[in-house]
Amino acid sequence: MDDFSNAKYLLEKTPKKNIRFKKHFYERTRTRPINEELVLKTLNNTNALLHAERQETENESEKKYKLWLKLSNRYSLVVVGVFTKKYLYIITAWNTDRKWQRKILK
């Protein structure tokens, strides 16, 4: 299974009540126009998933992903999260302009 399919599967099987936010997320939201509710709502819609990139973790049982989710025609939400056996821990998140993002992903 590729990164995108695996991340989508993990998002679909993780209940909303098992999503936790790290302290770093709250520190960053003070300067970014995002909040917990926006992230939860966007993650709940797995059809909004545009791209997933697997990242290295120290623990073999964890799966860390950088996820790009569509917010609107102009903006995307980038979420970095770690999937464990029971929880999804959101480390950080930010919104980005999709035109700018497309240039970087090329």
C-alpha atoms as a PDB file:
ATOM      1  CA  MET A   1       0.000   0.000   0.000  1.00  0.00           C
ATOM      2  CA  ASP A   2       1.387   3.439  -0.893  1.00  0.00           C
ATOM      3  CA  ASP A   3       1.666   6.356   1.564  1.00  0.00           C
ATOM      4  CA  PHE A   4      -1.540   8.041   0.368  1.00  0.00           C
ATOM      5  CA  SER A   5      -3.710   4.903   0.633  1.00  0.00           C
ATOM      6  CA  ASN A   6      -2.223   3.914   3.973  1.00  0.00           C
ATOM      7  CA  ALA A   7      -2.743   7.386   5.468  1.00  0.00           C
ATOM      8  CA  LYS A   8      -6.336   7.508   4.199  1.00  0.00           C
ATOM      9  CA  TYR A   9      -7.029   4.077   5.698  1.00  0.00           C
ATOM     10  CA  LEU A  10      -5.563   5.110   9.069  1.00  0.00           C
ATOM     11  CA  LEU A  11      -7.632   8.326   9.077  1.00  0.00           C
ATOM     12  CA  GLU A  12     -10.818   6.408   8.315  1.00  0.00           C
ATOM     13  CA  LYS A  13     -10.292   3.859  11.079  1.00  0.00           C
ATOM     14  CA  THR A  14      -9.261   6.380  13.794  1.00  0.00           C
ATOM     15  CA  PRO A  15     -12.317   7.564  15.745  1.00  0.00           C
ATOM     16  CA  LYS A  16     -12.607  11.299  16.350  1.00  0.00           C
ATOM     17  CA  LYS A  17     -12.464  10.703  20.123  1.00  0.00           C
ATOM     18  CA  ASN A  18      -8.986   9.150  19.703  1.00  0.00           C
ATOM     19  CA  ILE A  19      -7.421  12.252  18.153  1.00  0.00           C
ATOM     20  CA  ARG A  20      -5.150  14.095  20.567  1.00  0.00           C
ATOM     21  CA  PHE A  21      -3.295  17.391  20.151  1.00  0.00           C
ATOM     22  CA  LYS A  22       0.272  17.906  21.325  1.00  0.00           C
ATOM     23  CA  LYS A  23       1.430  20.982  23.237  1.00  0.00           C
ATOM     24  CA  HIS A  24       3.364  22.147  20.153  1.00  0.00           C
ATOM     25  CA  PHE A  25       0.090  22.368  18.196  1.00  0.00           C
ATOM     26  CA  TYR A  26      -1.419  24.757  20.750  1.00  0.00           C
ATOM     27  CA  GLU A  27       1.756  26.864  20.840  1.00  0.00           C
ATOM     28  CA  ARG A  28       1.646  27.285  17.064  1.00  0.00           C
ATOM     29  CA  THR A  29      -2.076  28.028  16.813  1.00  0.00           C
ATOM     30  CA  ARG A  30      -1.526  31.302  18.645  1.00  0.00           C
ATOM     31  CA  THR A  31       0.149  32.669  15.501  1.00  0.00           C
ATOM     32  CA  ARG A  32      -1.797  30.721  12.842  1.00  0.00           C
ATOM     33  CA  PRO A  33      -5.409  31.095  11.708  1.00  0.00           C
ATOM     34  CA  ILE A  34      -6.353  27.509  12.623  1.00  0.00           C
ATOM     35  CA  ASN A  35      -7.877  25.747  15.612  1.00  0.00           C
ATOM     36  CA  GLU A  36      -8.679  22.289  16.939  1.00  0.00           C
ATOM     37  CA  GLU A  37     -12.204  22.301  15.483  1.00  0.00           C
ATOM     38  CA  LEU A  38     -10.977  23.101  11.954  1.00  0.00           C
ATOM     39  CA  VAL A  39      -8.419  20.292  12.059  1.00  0.00           C
ATOM     40  CA  LEU A  40     -10.943  17.747  13.385  1.00  0.00           C
ATOM     41  CA  LYS A  41     -13.552  18.731  10.790  1.00  0.00           C
ATOM     42  CA  THR A  42     -11.041  18.533   7.937  1.00  0.00           C
ATOM     43  CA  LEU A  43      -9.539  15.210   9.066  1.00  0.00           C
ATOM     44  CA  ASN A  44     -13.026  13.744   9.335  1.00  0.00           C
ATOM     45  CA  ASN A  45     -13.500  14.282   5.572  1.00  0.00           C
ATOM     46  CA  THR A  46     -11.012  11.786   4.100  1.00  0.00           C
ATOM     47  CA  ASN A  47     -12.054  12.834   0.575  1.00  0.00           C
ATOM     48  CA  ALA A  48     -10.258  16.134   1.259  1.00  0.00           C
ATOM     49  CA  LEU A  49      -6.909  14.310   1.471  1.00  0.00           C
ATOM     50  CA  LEU A  50      -4.725  15.538  -1.402  1.00  0.00           C
ATOM     51  CA  HIS A  51      -1.292  14.130  -0.591  1.00  0.00           C
ATOM     52  CA  ALA A  52       0.428  12.127   2.151  1.00  0.00           C
ATOM     53  CA  GLU A  53       4.119  11.853   2.872  1.00  0.00           C
ATOM     54  CA  ARG A  54       5.499   9.283   5.309  1.00  0.00           C
ATOM     55  CA  GLN A  55       8.125  10.615   7.718  1.00  0.00           C
ATOM     56  CA  GLU A  56      10.733   8.961   9.884  1.00  0.00           C
ATOM     57  CA  THR A  57       9.957   8.064  13.507  1.00  0.00           C
ATOM     58  CA  GLU A  58      12.124   6.731  16.293  1.00  0.00           C
ATOM     59  CA  ASN A  59       9.536   4.133  17.301  1.00  0.00           C
ATOM     60  CA  GLU A  60       8.854   1.372  14.753  1.00  0.00           C
ATOM     61  CA  SER A  61       5.245   0.915  15.921  1.00  0.00           C
ATOM     62  CA  GLU A  62       4.356   4.539  15.100  1.00  0.00           C
ATOM     63  CA  LYS A  63       3.519   5.916  11.678  1.00  0.00           C
ATOM     64  CA  LYS A  64       4.189   9.609  11.132  1.00  0.00           C
ATOM     65  CA  TYR A  65       2.647  11.445   8.181  1.00  0.00           C
ATOM     66  CA  LYS A  66       2.598  14.904   6.718  1.00  0.00           C
ATOM     67  CA  LEU A  67      -0.907  15.261   5.251  1.00  0.00           C
ATOM     68  CA  TRP A  68      -2.222  17.861   2.810  1.00  0.00           C
ATOM     69  CA  LEU A  69      -6.002  18.349   2.993  1.00  0.00           C
ATOM     70  CA  LYS A  70      -8.164  20.592   0.830  1.00  0.00           C
ATOM     71  CA  LEU A  71      -9.819  23.450   2.723  1.00  0.00           C
ATOM     72  CA  SER A  72     -11.069  25.397  -0.292  1.00  0.00           C
ATOM     73  CA  ASN A  73     -10.122  26.062  -3.909  1.00  0.00           C
ATOM     74  CA  ARG A  74      -7.369  28.338  -2.673  1.00  0.00           C
ATOM     75  CA  TYR A  75      -6.175  26.914   0.653  1.00  0.00           C
ATOM     76  CA  SER A  76      -4.929  23.602   1.973  1.00  0.00           C
ATOM     77  CA  LEU A  77      -4.387  22.440   5.519  1.00  0.00           C
ATOM     78  CA  VAL A  78      -1.083  20.721   6.230  1.00  0.00           C
ATOM     79  CA  VAL A  79      -1.160  18.427   9.263  1.00  0.00           C
ATOM     80  CA  VAL A  80       1.730  16.500  10.789  1.00  0.00           C
ATOM     81  CA  GLY A  81       0.490  13.612  12.876  1.00  0.00           C
ATOM     82  CA  VAL A  82       1.622  10.342  14.422  1.00  0.00           C
ATOM     83  CA  PHE A  83      -0.579   7.267  14.339  1.00  0.00           C
ATOM     84  CA  THR A  84      -0.112   4.823  17.219  1.00  0.00           C
ATOM     85  CA  LYS A  85      -2.083   1.648  17.867  1.00  0.00           C
ATOM     86  CA  LYS A  86      -4.872   3.600  19.558  1.00  0.00           C
ATOM     87  CA  TYR A  87      -4.440   7.340  18.930  1.00  0.00           C
ATOM     88  CA  LEU A  88      -3.647   9.934  16.315  1.00  0.00           C
ATOM     89  CA  TYR A  89      -1.457  12.636  17.830  1.00  0.00           C
ATOM     90  CA  ILE A  90      -1.520  15.937  15.951  1.00  0.00           C
ATOM     91  CA  ILE A  91       1.906  17.528  16.305  1.00  0.00           C
ATOM     92  CA  THR A  92       1.347  20.666  14.262  1.00  0.00           C
ATOM     93  CA  ALA A  93      -0.804  22.108  11.480  1.00  0.00           C
ATOM     94  CA  TRP A  94      -0.869  25.153   9.232  1.00  0.00           C
ATOM     95  CA  ASN A  95      -2.760  26.426   6.230  1.00  0.00           C
ATOM     96  CA  THR A  96      -1.100  27.181   2.917  1.00  0.00           C
ATOM     97  CA  ASP A  97      -1.975  28.702  -0.421  1.00  0.00           C
ATOM     98  CA  ARG A  98      -2.511  25.846  -2.892  1.00  0.00           C
ATOM     99  CA  LYS A  99      -0.986  27.713  -5.881  1.00  0.00           C
ATOM    100  CA  TRP A 100       2.239  28.159  -3.951  1.00  0.00           C
ATOM    101  CA  GLN A 101       2.082  24.555  -2.741  1.00  0.00           C
ATOM    102  CA  ARG A 102       1.727  23.150  -6.294  1.00  0.00           C
ATOM    103  CA  LYS A 103       4.957  24.888  -7.315  1.00  0.00           C
ATOM    104  CA  ILE A 104       6.826  23.302  -4.416  1.00  0.00           C
ATOM    105  CA  LEU A 105       5.485  19.774  -5.020  1.00  0.00           C
ATOM    106  CA  LYS A 106       6.627  19.809  -8.687  1.00  0.00           C
END
